[in-house]
PDB file of N, CA and C in Angstrom:
ATOM      1  N   MET A   1      81.712 147.550 231.096  1.00  0.00           N
ATOM      2  CA  MET A   1      81.199 146.541 230.197  1.00  0.00           C
ATOM      3  C   MET A   1      81.281 145.188 230.895  1.00  0.00           C
ATOM      4  N   GLY A   2      80.274 144.868 231.683  1.00  0.00           N
ATOM      5  CA  GLY A   2      80.283 143.613 232.401  1.00  0.00           C
ATOM      6  C   GLY A   2      79.384 142.588 231.739  1.00  0.00           C
ATOM      7  N   PHE A   3      79.831 141.369 231.751  1.00  0.00           N
ATOM      8  CA  PHE A   3      79.062 140.263 231.201  1.00  0.00           C
ATOM      9  C   PHE A   3      78.732 139.303 232.326  1.00  0.00           C
ATOM     10  N   SER A   4      77.604 138.637 232.222  1.00  0.00           N
ATOM     11  CA  SER A   4      77.281 137.585 233.179  1.00  0.00           C
ATOM     12  C   SER A   4      78.152 136.365 232.860  1.00  0.00           C
ATOM     13  N   LYS A   5      78.207 135.461 233.816  1.00  0.00           N
ATOM     14  CA  LYS A   5      79.001 134.246 233.608  1.00  0.00           C
ATOM     15  C   LYS A   5      78.494 133.460 232.396  1.00  0.00           C
ATOM     16  N   ALA A   6      77.179 133.373 232.246  1.00  0.00           N
ATOM     17  CA  ALA A   6      76.592 132.642 231.115  1.00  0.00           C
ATOM     18  C   ALA A   6      76.959 133.306 229.789  1.00  0.00           C
ATOM     19  N   GLU A   7      76.943 134.640 229.755  1.00  0.00           N
ATOM     20  CA  GLU A   7      77.306 135.356 228.530  1.00  0.00           C
ATOM     21  C   GLU A   7      78.779 135.127 228.178  1.00  0.00           C
ATOM     22  N   ILE A   8      79.629 135.133 229.181  1.00  0.00           N
ATOM     23  CA  ILE A   8      81.065 134.892 228.944  1.00  0.00           C
ATOM     24  C   ILE A   8      81.279 133.485 228.401  1.00  0.00           C
ATOM     25  N   GLU A   9      80.642 132.495 229.041  1.00  0.00           N
ATOM     26  CA  GLU A   9      80.790 131.111 228.583  1.00  0.00           C
ATOM     27  C   GLU A   9      80.275 130.966 227.145  1.00  0.00           C
ATOM     28  N   ASN A  10      79.165 131.608 226.841  1.00  0.00           N
ATOM     29  CA  ASN A  10      78.591 131.558 225.499  1.00  0.00           C
ATOM     30  C   ASN A  10      79.548 132.159 224.472  1.00  0.00           C
ATOM     31  N   ARG A  11      80.129 133.305 224.800  1.00  0.00           N
ATOM     32  CA  ARG A  11      81.082 133.944 223.874  1.00  0.00           C
ATOM     33  C   ARG A  11      82.317 133.074 223.660  1.00  0.00           C
ATOM     34  N   ILE A  12      82.825 132.486 224.739  1.00  0.00           N
ATOM     35  CA  ILE A  12      83.998 131.597 224.618  1.00  0.00           C
ATOM     36  C   ILE A  12      83.674 130.433 223.703  1.00  0.00           C
ATOM     37  N   ASN A  13      82.526 129.801 223.929  1.00  0.00           N
ATOM     38  CA  ASN A  13      82.145 128.647 223.104  1.00  0.00           C
ATOM     39  C   ASN A  13      81.972 129.028 221.642  1.00  0.00           C
ATOM     40  N   ARG A  14      81.376 130.177 221.371  1.00  0.00           N
ATOM     41  CA  ARG A  14      81.210 130.631 219.978  1.00  0.00           C
ATOM     42  C   ARG A  14      82.559 130.872 219.312  1.00  0.00           C
ATOM     43  N   LYS A  15      83.481 131.504 220.047  1.00  0.00           N
ATOM     44  CA  LYS A  15      84.811 131.790 219.469  1.00  0.00           C
ATOM     45  C   LYS A  15      85.573 130.495 219.212  1.00  0.00           C
ATOM     46  N   ILE A  16      85.503 129.560 220.153  1.00  0.00           N
ATOM     47  CA  ILE A  16      86.198 128.279 219.970  1.00  0.00           C
ATOM     48  C   ILE A  16      85.605 127.522 218.789  1.00  0.00           C
ATOM     49  N   GLU A  17      84.287 127.540 218.661  1.00  0.00           N
ATOM     50  CA  GLU A  17      83.639 126.877 217.524  1.00  0.00           C
ATOM     51  C   GLU A  17      84.065 127.515 216.205  1.00  0.00           C
ATOM     52  N   TYR A  18      84.132 128.841 216.174  1.00  0.00           N
ATOM     53  CA  TYR A  18      84.554 129.553 214.963  1.00  0.00           C
ATOM     54  C   TYR A  18      85.982 129.158 214.585  1.00  0.00           C
ATOM     55  N   VAL A  19      86.874 129.191 215.569  1.00  0.00           N
ATOM     56  CA  VAL A  19      88.278 128.844 215.303  1.00  0.00           C
ATOM     57  C   VAL A  19      88.380 127.380 214.884  1.00  0.00           C
ATOM     58  N   GLY A  20      87.583 126.505 215.519  1.00  0.00           N
ATOM     59  CA  GLY A  20      87.584 125.085 215.149  1.00  0.00           C
ATOM     60  C   GLY A  20      87.141 124.871 213.724  1.00  0.00           C
ATOM     61  N   ASN A  21      86.115 125.599 213.307  1.00  0.00           N
ATOM     62  CA  ASN A  21      85.634 125.481 211.923  1.00  0.00           C
ATOM     63  C   ASN A  21      86.653 126.032 210.935  1.00  0.00           C
ATOM     64  N   THR A  22      87.386 127.057 211.350  1.00  0.00           N
ATOM     65  CA  THR A  22      88.345 127.694 210.457  1.00  0.00           C
ATOM     66  C   THR A  22      89.660 126.923 210.376  1.00  0.00           C
ATOM     67  N   TYR A  23      90.161 126.464 211.532  1.00  0.00           N
ATOM     68  CA  TYR A  23      91.504 125.871 211.577  1.00  0.00           C
ATOM     69  C   TYR A  23      91.533 124.387 211.893  1.00  0.00           C
ATOM     70  N   GLY A  24      90.415 123.769 212.127  1.00  0.00           N
ATOM     71  CA  GLY A  24      90.387 122.338 212.424  1.00  0.00           C
ATOM     72  C   GLY A  24      89.931 122.085 213.855  1.00  0.00           C
ATOM     73  N   ASN A  25      89.421 120.878 214.073  1.00  0.00           N
ATOM     74  CA  ASN A  25      88.817 120.543 215.366  1.00  0.00           C
ATOM     75  C   ASN A  25      89.808 120.450 216.524  1.00  0.00           C
ATOM     76  N   ASN A  26      91.056 120.065 216.253  1.00  0.00           N
ATOM     77  CA  ASN A  26      92.003 119.914 217.361  1.00  0.00           C
ATOM     78  C   ASN A  26      92.472 121.259 217.922  1.00  0.00           C
ATOM     79  N   ILE A  27      92.093 122.361 217.281  1.00  0.00           N
ATOM     80  CA  ILE A  27      92.490 123.679 217.783  1.00  0.00           C
ATOM     81  C   ILE A  27      91.873 123.947 219.156  1.00  0.00           C
ATOM     82  N   LYS A  28      90.677 123.368 219.420  1.00  0.00           N
ATOM     83  CA  LYS A  28      90.029 123.559 220.723  1.00  0.00           C
ATOM     84  C   LYS A  28      90.931 123.059 221.843  1.00  0.00           C
ATOM     85  N   GLU A  29      91.537 121.890 221.657  1.00  0.00           N
ATOM     86  CA  GLU A  29      92.456 121.348 222.663  1.00  0.00           C
ATOM     87  C   GLU A  29      93.656 122.260 222.852  1.00  0.00           C
ATOM     88  N   VAL A  30      94.176 122.787 221.762  1.00  0.00           N
ATOM     89  CA  VAL A  30      95.324 123.689 221.832  1.00  0.00           C
ATOM     90  C   VAL A  30      94.958 124.951 222.612  1.00  0.00           C
ATOM     91  N   ILE A  31      93.804 125.517 222.308  1.00  0.00           N
ATOM     92  CA  ILE A  31      93.358 126.731 223.004  1.00  0.00           C
ATOM     93  C   ILE A  31      93.191 126.463 224.497  1.00  0.00           C
ATOM     94  N   LEU A  32      92.556 125.339 224.847  1.00  0.00           N
ATOM     95  CA  LEU A  32      92.358 125.023 226.259  1.00  0.00           C
ATOM     96  C   LEU A  32      93.692 124.797 226.973  1.00  0.00           C
ATOM     97  N   ASP A  33      94.645 124.165 226.287  1.00  0.00           N
ATOM     98  CA  ASP A  33      95.985 123.993 226.861  1.00  0.00           C
ATOM     99  C   ASP A  33      96.649 125.337 227.109  1.00  0.00           C
ATOM    100  N   ILE A  34      96.552 126.235 226.145  1.00  0.00           N
ATOM    101  CA  ILE A  34      97.157 127.561 226.293  1.00  0.00           C
ATOM    102  C   ILE A  34      96.511 128.316 227.455  1.00  0.00           C
ATOM    103  N   LEU A  35      95.183 128.265 227.526  1.00  0.00           N
ATOM    104  CA  LEU A  35      94.495 128.946 228.636  1.00  0.00           C
ATOM    105  C   LEU A  35      94.896 128.363 229.990  1.00  0.00           C
ATOM    106  N   SER A  36      95.034 127.055 230.071  1.00  0.00           N
ATOM    107  CA  SER A  36      95.453 126.413 231.326  1.00  0.00           C
ATOM    108  C   SER A  36      96.860 126.847 231.723  1.00  0.00           C
ATOM    109  N   LEU A  37      97.762 126.879 230.764  1.00  0.00           N
ATOM    110  CA  LEU A  37      99.127 127.312 231.043  1.00  0.00           C
ATOM    111  C   LEU A  37      99.171 128.778 231.463  1.00  0.00           C
ATOM    112  N   GLU A  38      98.381 129.610 230.796  1.00  0.00           N
ATOM    113  CA  GLU A  38      98.318 131.030 231.145  1.00  0.00           C
ATOM    114  C   GLU A  38      97.799 131.208 232.570  1.00  0.00           C
ATOM    115  N   LYS A  39      96.804 130.418 232.933  1.00  0.00           N
ATOM    116  CA  LYS A  39      96.253 130.499 234.281  1.00  0.00           C
ATOM    117  C   LYS A  39      97.294 130.075 235.319  1.00  0.00           C
ATOM    118  N   MET A  40      98.138 129.110 234.958  1.00  0.00           N
ATOM    119  CA  MET A  40      99.201 128.674 235.867  1.00  0.00           C
ATOM    120  C   MET A  40     100.240 129.779 236.041  1.00  0.00           C
ATOM    121  N   LEU A  41     100.493 130.540 234.988  1.00  0.00           N
ATOM    122  CA  LEU A  41     101.442 131.643 235.082  1.00  0.00           C
ATOM    123  C   LEU A  41     100.909 132.793 235.929  1.00  0.00           C
ATOM    124  N   HIS A  42      99.613 133.033 235.828  1.00  0.00           N
ATOM    125  CA  HIS A  42      98.987 134.167 236.505  1.00  0.00           C
ATOM    126  C   HIS A  42      97.783 133.705 237.318  1.00  0.00           C
ATOM    127  N   PRO A  43      98.035 132.990 238.422  1.00  0.00           N
ATOM    128  CA  PRO A  43      96.894 132.522 239.210  1.00  0.00           C
ATOM    129  C   PRO A  43      96.124 133.711 239.779  1.00  0.00           C
ATOM    130  N   GLU A  44      94.832 133.525 239.912  1.00  0.00           N
ATOM    131  CA  GLU A  44      94.000 134.599 240.450  1.00  0.00           C
ATOM    132  C   GLU A  44      94.386 134.858 241.899  1.00  0.00           C
ATOM    133  N   GLN A  45      94.506 136.108 242.234  1.00  0.00           N
ATOM    134  CA  GLN A  45      94.783 136.504 243.610  1.00  0.00           C
ATOM    135  C   GLN A  45      93.458 136.564 244.349  1.00  0.00           C
ATOM    136  N   LYS A  46      93.322 135.740 245.351  1.00  0.00           N
ATOM    137  CA  LYS A  46      92.083 135.726 246.101  1.00  0.00           C
ATOM    138  C   LYS A  46      91.997 136.987 246.950  1.00  0.00           C
ATOM    139  N   GLU A  47      90.861 137.645 246.865  1.00  0.00           N
ATOM    140  CA  GLU A  47      90.661 138.853 247.645  1.00  0.00           C
ATOM    141  C   GLU A  47      90.569 138.479 249.120  1.00  0.00           C
ATOM    142  N   ASN A  48      91.127 139.335 249.966  1.00  0.00           N
ATOM    143  CA  ASN A  48      91.077 139.066 251.392  1.00  0.00           C
ATOM    144  C   ASN A  48      89.640 138.983 251.865  1.00  0.00           C
ATOM    145  N   HIS A  49      89.364 137.953 252.620  1.00  0.00           N
ATOM    146  CA  HIS A  49      88.036 137.756 253.178  1.00  0.00           C
ATOM    147  C   HIS A  49      88.108 138.115 254.650  1.00  0.00           C
ATOM    148  N   LEU A  50      87.429 139.192 255.021  1.00  0.00           N
ATOM    149  CA  LEU A  50      87.413 139.634 256.406  1.00  0.00           C
ATOM    150  C   LEU A  50      86.184 139.065 257.099  1.00  0.00           C
ATOM    151  N   ILE A  51      86.425 138.334 258.173  1.00  0.00           N
ATOM    152  CA  ILE A  51      85.346 137.704 258.931  1.00  0.00           C
ATOM    153  C   ILE A  51      85.130 138.511 260.203  1.00  0.00           C
ATOM    154  N   PRO A  52      83.906 138.983 260.459  1.00  0.00           N
ATOM    155  CA  PRO A  52      83.648 139.661 261.732  1.00  0.00           C
ATOM    156  C   PRO A  52      83.928 138.702 262.883  1.00  0.00           C
ATOM    157  N   LEU A  53      84.634 139.170 263.888  1.00  0.00           N
ATOM    158  CA  LEU A  53      85.035 138.298 264.992  1.00  0.00           C
ATOM    159  C   LEU A  53      83.858 137.548 265.612  1.00  0.00           C
ATOM    160  N   PRO A  54      82.711 138.184 265.878  1.00  0.00           N
ATOM    161  CA  PRO A  54      81.603 137.425 266.473  1.00  0.00           C
ATOM    162  C   PRO A  54      81.052 136.320 265.570  1.00  0.00           C
ATOM    163  N   LYS A  55      81.322 136.397 264.265  1.00  0.00           N
ATOM    164  CA  LYS A  55      80.836 135.392 263.312  1.00  0.00           C
ATOM    165  C   LYS A  55      81.889 134.328 262.996  1.00  0.00           C
ATOM    166  N   TRP A  56      83.026 134.345 263.680  1.00  0.00           N
ATOM    167  CA  TRP A  56      84.134 133.443 263.384  1.00  0.00           C
ATOM    168  C   TRP A  56      83.681 131.986 263.309  1.00  0.00           C
ATOM    169  N   ASN A  57      82.872 131.544 264.283  1.00  0.00           N
ATOM    170  CA  ASN A  57      82.468 130.142 264.319  1.00  0.00           C
ATOM    171  C   ASN A  57      81.424 129.784 263.266  1.00  0.00           C
ATOM    172  N   ASP A  58      80.939 130.756 262.508  1.00  0.00           N
ATOM    173  CA  ASP A  58      80.110 130.438 261.343  1.00  0.00           C
ATOM    174  C   ASP A  58      80.981 129.869 260.221  1.00  0.00           C
ATOM    175  N   TYR A  59      82.277 130.153 260.280  1.00  0.00           N
ATOM    176  CA  TYR A  59      83.222 129.721 259.252  1.00  0.00           C
ATOM    177  C   TYR A  59      84.159 128.617 259.743  1.00  0.00           C
ATOM    178  N   TYR A  60      84.579 128.709 261.003  1.00  0.00           N
ATOM    179  CA  TYR A  60      85.532 127.760 261.566  1.00  0.00           C
ATOM    180  C   TYR A  60      85.065 127.325 262.948  1.00  0.00           C
ATOM    181  N   ASP A  61      85.268 126.047 263.249  1.00  0.00           N
ATOM    182  CA  ASP A  61      84.904 125.536 264.575  1.00  0.00           C
ATOM    183  C   ASP A  61      85.936 125.891 265.635  1.00  0.00           C
ATOM    184  N   TYR A  62      87.182 125.994 265.218  1.00  0.00           N
ATOM    185  CA  TYR A  62      88.262 126.241 266.158  1.00  0.00           C
ATOM    186  C   TYR A  62      89.145 127.349 265.627  1.00  0.00           C
ATOM    187  N   PRO A  63      89.602 128.217 266.466  1.00  0.00           N
ATOM    188  CA  PRO A  63      89.266 128.387 267.876  1.00  0.00           C
ATOM    189  C   PRO A  63      87.863 128.973 268.026  1.00  0.00           C
ATOM    190  N   THR A  64      87.341 128.875 269.234  1.00  0.00           N
ATOM    191  CA  THR A  64      86.035 129.459 269.503  1.00  0.00           C
ATOM    192  C   THR A  64      86.153 130.978 269.416  1.00  0.00           C
ATOM    193  N   VAL A  65      85.020 131.655 269.397  1.00  0.00           N
ATOM    194  CA  VAL A  65      85.035 133.117 269.348  1.00  0.00           C
ATOM    195  C   VAL A  65      85.787 133.668 270.553  1.00  0.00           C
ATOM    196  N   SER A  66      85.533 133.100 271.733  1.00  0.00           N
ATOM    197  CA  SER A  66      86.238 133.595 272.921  1.00  0.00           C
ATOM    198  C   SER A  66      87.739 133.318 272.820  1.00  0.00           C
ATOM    199  N   GLY A  67      88.106 132.177 272.253  1.00  0.00           N
ATOM    200  CA  GLY A  67      89.529 131.881 272.051  1.00  0.00           C
ATOM    201  C   GLY A  67      90.161 132.846 271.056  1.00  0.00           C
ATOM    202  N   MET A  68      89.419 133.179 270.012  1.00  0.00           N
ATOM    203  CA  MET A  68      89.923 134.131 269.024  1.00  0.00           C
ATOM    204  C   MET A  68      90.039 135.524 269.638  1.00  0.00           C
ATOM    205  N   ARG A  69      89.084 135.893 270.502  1.00  0.00           N
ATOM    206  CA  ARG A  69      89.186 137.191 271.188  1.00  0.00           C
ATOM    207  C   ARG A  69      90.465 137.263 272.014  1.00  0.00           C
ATOM    208  N   MET A  70      90.815 136.153 272.653  1.00  0.00           N
ATOM    209  CA  MET A  70      92.048 136.124 273.451  1.00  0.00           C
ATOM    210  C   MET A  70      93.269 136.282 272.542  1.00  0.00           C
ATOM    211  N   LYS A  71      93.227 135.652 271.379  1.00  0.00           N
ATOM    212  CA  LYS A  71      94.337 135.798 270.430  1.00  0.00           C
ATOM    213  C   LYS A  71      94.443 137.245 269.947  1.00  0.00           C
ATOM    214  N   VAL A  72      93.295 137.890 269.684  1.00  0.00           N
ATOM    215  CA  VAL A  72      93.295 139.284 269.255  1.00  0.00           C
ATOM    216  C   VAL A  72      93.841 140.167 270.378  1.00  0.00           C
ATOM    217  N   PHE A  73      93.445 139.888 271.618  1.00  0.00           N
ATOM    218  CA  PHE A  73      93.923 140.658 272.771  1.00  0.00           C
ATOM    219  C   PHE A  73      95.445 140.570 272.889  1.00  0.00           C
ATOM    220  N   ASN A  74      96.004 139.404 272.581  1.00  0.00           N
ATOM    221  CA  ASN A  74      97.454 139.179 272.677  1.00  0.00           C
ATOM    222  C   ASN A  74      98.152 139.299 271.321  1.00  0.00           C
ATOM    223  N   ALA A  75      97.582 140.068 270.408  1.00  0.00           N
ATOM    224  CA  ALA A  75      98.103 140.163 269.038  1.00  0.00           C
ATOM    225  C   ALA A  75      99.552 140.626 268.981  1.00  0.00           C
ATOM    226  N   GLU A  76      99.971 141.476 269.893  1.00  0.00           N
ATOM    227  CA  GLU A  76     101.362 141.951 269.909  1.00  0.00           C
ATOM    228  C   GLU A  76     102.332 140.808 270.184  1.00  0.00           C
ATOM    229  N   ASN A  77     101.938 139.883 271.039  1.00  0.00           N
ATOM    230  CA  ASN A  77     102.848 138.823 271.488  1.00  0.00           C
ATOM    231  C   ASN A  77     102.785 137.552 270.650  1.00  0.00           C
ATOM    232  N   ASN A  78     101.636 137.285 270.010  1.00  0.00           N
ATOM    233  CA  ASN A  78     101.499 135.999 269.318  1.00  0.00           C
ATOM    234  C   ASN A  78     101.766 136.070 267.813  1.00  0.00           C
ATOM    235  N   GLY A  79     102.050 137.259 267.291  1.00  0.00           N
ATOM    236  CA  GLY A  79     102.372 137.383 265.880  1.00  0.00           C
ATOM    237  C   GLY A  79     101.207 137.779 264.995  1.00  0.00           C
ATOM    238  N   PHE A  80     100.009 137.925 265.563  1.00  0.00           N
ATOM    239  CA  PHE A  80      98.864 138.349 264.755  1.00  0.00           C
ATOM    240  C   PHE A  80      99.152 139.670 264.049  1.00  0.00           C
ATOM    241  N   ASN A  81      99.764 140.607 264.763  1.00  0.00           N
ATOM    242  CA  ASN A  81     100.065 141.906 264.154  1.00  0.00           C
ATOM    243  C   ASN A  81     101.085 141.770 263.031  1.00  0.00           C
ATOM    244  N   ASP A  82     102.055 140.893 263.198  1.00  0.00           N
ATOM    245  CA  ASP A  82     103.078 140.686 262.167  1.00  0.00           C
ATOM    246  C   ASP A  82     102.471 140.157 260.871  1.00  0.00           C
ATOM    247  N   TYR A  83     101.437 139.336 260.986  1.00  0.00           N
ATOM    248  CA  TYR A  83     100.800 138.738 259.823  1.00  0.00           C
ATOM    249  C   TYR A  83      99.605 139.544 259.309  1.00  0.00           C
ATOM    250  N   GLY A  84      99.209 140.598 260.017  1.00  0.00           N
ATOM    251  CA  GLY A  84      98.081 141.418 259.595  1.00  0.00           C
ATOM    252  C   GLY A  84      96.747 140.706 259.725  1.00  0.00           C
ATOM    253  N   VAL A  85      96.609 139.917 260.781  1.00  0.00           N
ATOM    254  CA  VAL A  85      95.404 139.121 260.969  1.00  0.00           C
ATOM    255  C   VAL A  85      94.212 139.977 261.397  1.00  0.00           C
ATOM    256  N   VAL A  86      94.456 140.962 262.246  1.00  0.00           N
ATOM    257  CA  VAL A  86      93.377 141.738 262.843  1.00  0.00           C
ATOM    258  C   VAL A  86      93.171 143.048 262.086  1.00  0.00           C
ATOM    259  N   HIS A  87      91.910 143.322 261.764  1.00  0.00           N
ATOM    260  CA  HIS A  87      91.536 144.591 261.138  1.00  0.00           C
ATOM    261  C   HIS A  87      90.427 145.205 261.978  1.00  0.00           C
ATOM    262  N   ARG A  88      90.547 146.496 262.219  1.00  0.00           N
ATOM    263  CA  ARG A  88      89.535 147.184 263.015  1.00  0.00           C
ATOM    264  C   ARG A  88      88.888 148.283 262.191  1.00  0.00           C
ATOM    265  N   GLU A  89      87.582 148.381 262.318  1.00  0.00           N
ATOM    266  CA  GLU A  89      86.816 149.475 261.734  1.00  0.00           C
ATOM    267  C   GLU A  89      85.938 150.013 262.848  1.00  0.00           C
ATOM    268  N   GLY A  90      86.373 151.105 263.437  1.00  0.00           N
ATOM    269  CA  GLY A  90      85.674 151.624 264.605  1.00  0.00           C
ATOM    270  C   GLY A  90      85.795 150.611 265.732  1.00  0.00           C
ATOM    271  N   LYS A  91      84.664 150.221 266.277  1.00  0.00           N
ATOM    272  CA  LYS A  91      84.671 149.230 267.359  1.00  0.00           C
ATOM    273  C   LYS A  91      84.642 147.796 266.845  1.00  0.00           C
ATOM    274  N   ARG A  92      84.387 147.643 265.554  1.00  0.00           N
ATOM    275  CA  ARG A  92      84.282 146.289 264.983  1.00  0.00           C
ATOM    276  C   ARG A  92      85.664 145.698 264.720  1.00  0.00           C
ATOM    277  N   VAL A  93      85.775 144.406 265.000  1.00  0.00           N
ATOM    278  CA  VAL A  93      87.032 143.680 264.797  1.00  0.00           C
ATOM    279  C   VAL A  93      86.782 142.597 263.760  1.00  0.00           C
ATOM    280  N   PHE A  94      87.656 142.549 262.767  1.00  0.00           N
ATOM    281  CA  PHE A  94      87.577 141.562 261.696  1.00  0.00           C
ATOM    282  C   PHE A  94      88.856 140.741 261.671  1.00  0.00           C
ATOM    283  N   ILE A  95      88.729 139.492 261.245  1.00  0.00           N
ATOM    284  CA  ILE A  95      89.866 138.598 261.074  1.00  0.00           C
ATOM    285  C   ILE A  95      90.066 138.384 259.581  1.00  0.00           C
ATOM    286  N   ASP A  96      91.271 138.672 259.100  1.00  0.00           N
ATOM    287  CA  ASP A  96      91.632 138.414 257.708  1.00  0.00           C
ATOM    288  C   ASP A  96      91.878 136.914 257.584  1.00  0.00           C
ATOM    289  N   GLU A  97      90.979 136.231 256.890  1.00  0.00           N
ATOM    290  CA  GLU A  97      91.020 134.771 256.818  1.00  0.00           C
ATOM    291  C   GLU A  97      92.347 134.253 256.270  1.00  0.00           C
ATOM    292  N   GLN A  98      92.816 134.813 255.162  1.00  0.00           N
ATOM    293  CA  GLN A  98      94.063 134.331 254.556  1.00  0.00           C
ATOM    294  C   GLN A  98      95.262 134.594 255.462  1.00  0.00           C
ATOM    295  N   ALA A  99      95.284 135.773 256.097  1.00  0.00           N
ATOM    296  CA  ALA A  99      96.385 136.096 257.010  1.00  0.00           C
ATOM    297  C   ALA A  99      96.374 135.149 258.205  1.00  0.00           C
ATOM    298  N   TYR A 100      95.186 134.851 258.726  1.00  0.00           N
ATOM    299  CA  TYR A 100      95.091 133.924 259.852  1.00  0.00           C
ATOM    300  C   TYR A 100      95.601 132.532 259.464  1.00  0.00           C
ATOM    301  N   LEU A 101      95.201 132.060 258.278  1.00  0.00           N
ATOM    302  CA  LEU A 101      95.648 130.729 257.844  1.00  0.00           C
ATOM    303  C   LEU A 101      97.168 130.691 257.652  1.00  0.00           C
ATOM    304  N   ARG A 102      97.751 131.784 257.127  1.00  0.00           N
ATOM    305  CA  ARG A 102      99.219 131.847 257.019  1.00  0.00           C
ATOM    306  C   ARG A 102      99.855 131.811 258.406  1.00  0.00           C
ATOM    307  N   TRP A 103      99.284 132.581 259.343  1.00  0.00           N
ATOM    308  CA  TRP A 103      99.789 132.609 260.719  1.00  0.00           C
ATOM    309  C   TRP A 103      99.698 131.220 261.350  1.00  0.00           C
ATOM    310  N   ARG A 104      98.538 130.585 261.189  1.00  0.00           N
ATOM    311  CA  ARG A 104      98.331 129.265 261.781  1.00  0.00           C
ATOM    312  C   ARG A 104      99.283 128.234 261.191  1.00  0.00           C
ATOM    313  N   ASN A 105      99.436 128.243 259.872  1.00  0.00           N
ATOM    314  CA  ASN A 105     100.345 127.289 259.237  1.00  0.00           C
ATOM    315  C   ASN A 105     101.776 127.516 259.671  1.00  0.00           C
ATOM    316  N   ARG A 106     102.197 128.752 259.775  1.00  0.00           N
ATOM    317  CA  ARG A 106     103.558 129.076 260.210  1.00  0.00           C
ATOM    318  C   ARG A 106     103.781 128.635 261.645  1.00  0.00           C
ATOM    319  N   ASN A 107     102.805 128.865 262.497  1.00  0.00           N
ATOM    320  CA  ASN A 107     102.960 128.482 263.900  1.00  0.00           C
ATOM    321  C   ASN A 107     102.904 126.985 264.100  1.00  0.00           C
ATOM    322  N   SER A 108     102.141 126.264 263.271  1.00  0.00           N
ATOM    323  CA  SER A 108     102.101 124.810 263.410  1.00  0.00           C
ATOM    324  C   SER A 108     103.425 124.199 262.964  1.00  0.00           C
ATOM    325  N   VAL A 109     104.095 124.825 261.976  1.00  0.00           N
ATOM    326  CA  VAL A 109     105.419 124.355 261.535  1.00  0.00           C
ATOM    327  C   VAL A 109     106.437 124.557 262.654  1.00  0.00           C
ATOM    328  N   ILE A 110     106.384 125.724 263.290  1.00  0.00           N
ATOM    329  CA  ILE A 110     107.328 126.045 264.371  1.00  0.00           C
ATOM    330  C   ILE A 110     107.099 125.127 265.557  1.00  0.00           C
ATOM    331  N   SER A 111     105.836 124.911 265.949  1.00  0.00           N
ATOM    332  CA  SER A 111     105.548 124.098 267.132  1.00  0.00           C
ATOM    333  C   SER A 111     105.842 122.616 266.892  1.00  0.00           C
ATOM    334  N   ASN A 112     105.816 122.170 265.622  1.00  0.00           N
ATOM    335  CA  ASN A 112     106.111 120.763 265.303  1.00  0.00           C
ATOM    336  C   ASN A 112     107.607 120.515 265.154  1.00  0.00           C
ATOM    337  N   SER A 113     108.417 121.588 265.129  1.00  0.00           N
ATOM    338  CA  SER A 113     109.867 121.405 264.945  1.00  0.00           C
ATOM    339  C   SER A 113     110.530 120.913 266.205  1.00  0.00           C
TER     340      SER A 113
END
């Protein structure tokens, strides 16, 4: 049972209007506050975005594709394997964007210490 984004927004607005008419206009603010707090408790988990290695520079300027290939080649020594940065499917190599950013942030903290 999937709804389009427009259908979901329409249903939310209808329900809020109904509750507002039934319980008063300030209920909309209360509902939005509750939804915001609930979202803070349960933030959406971003799905891993796998970037094909040859397309890396379509997303990031640095490192270059050749620089990233060198990092993948040295994955045992540089921590890529520890962070799960590299994914392989047959001969294709993918970079897990979130894992790479965690690796990069961790290494920049260490190198700045």
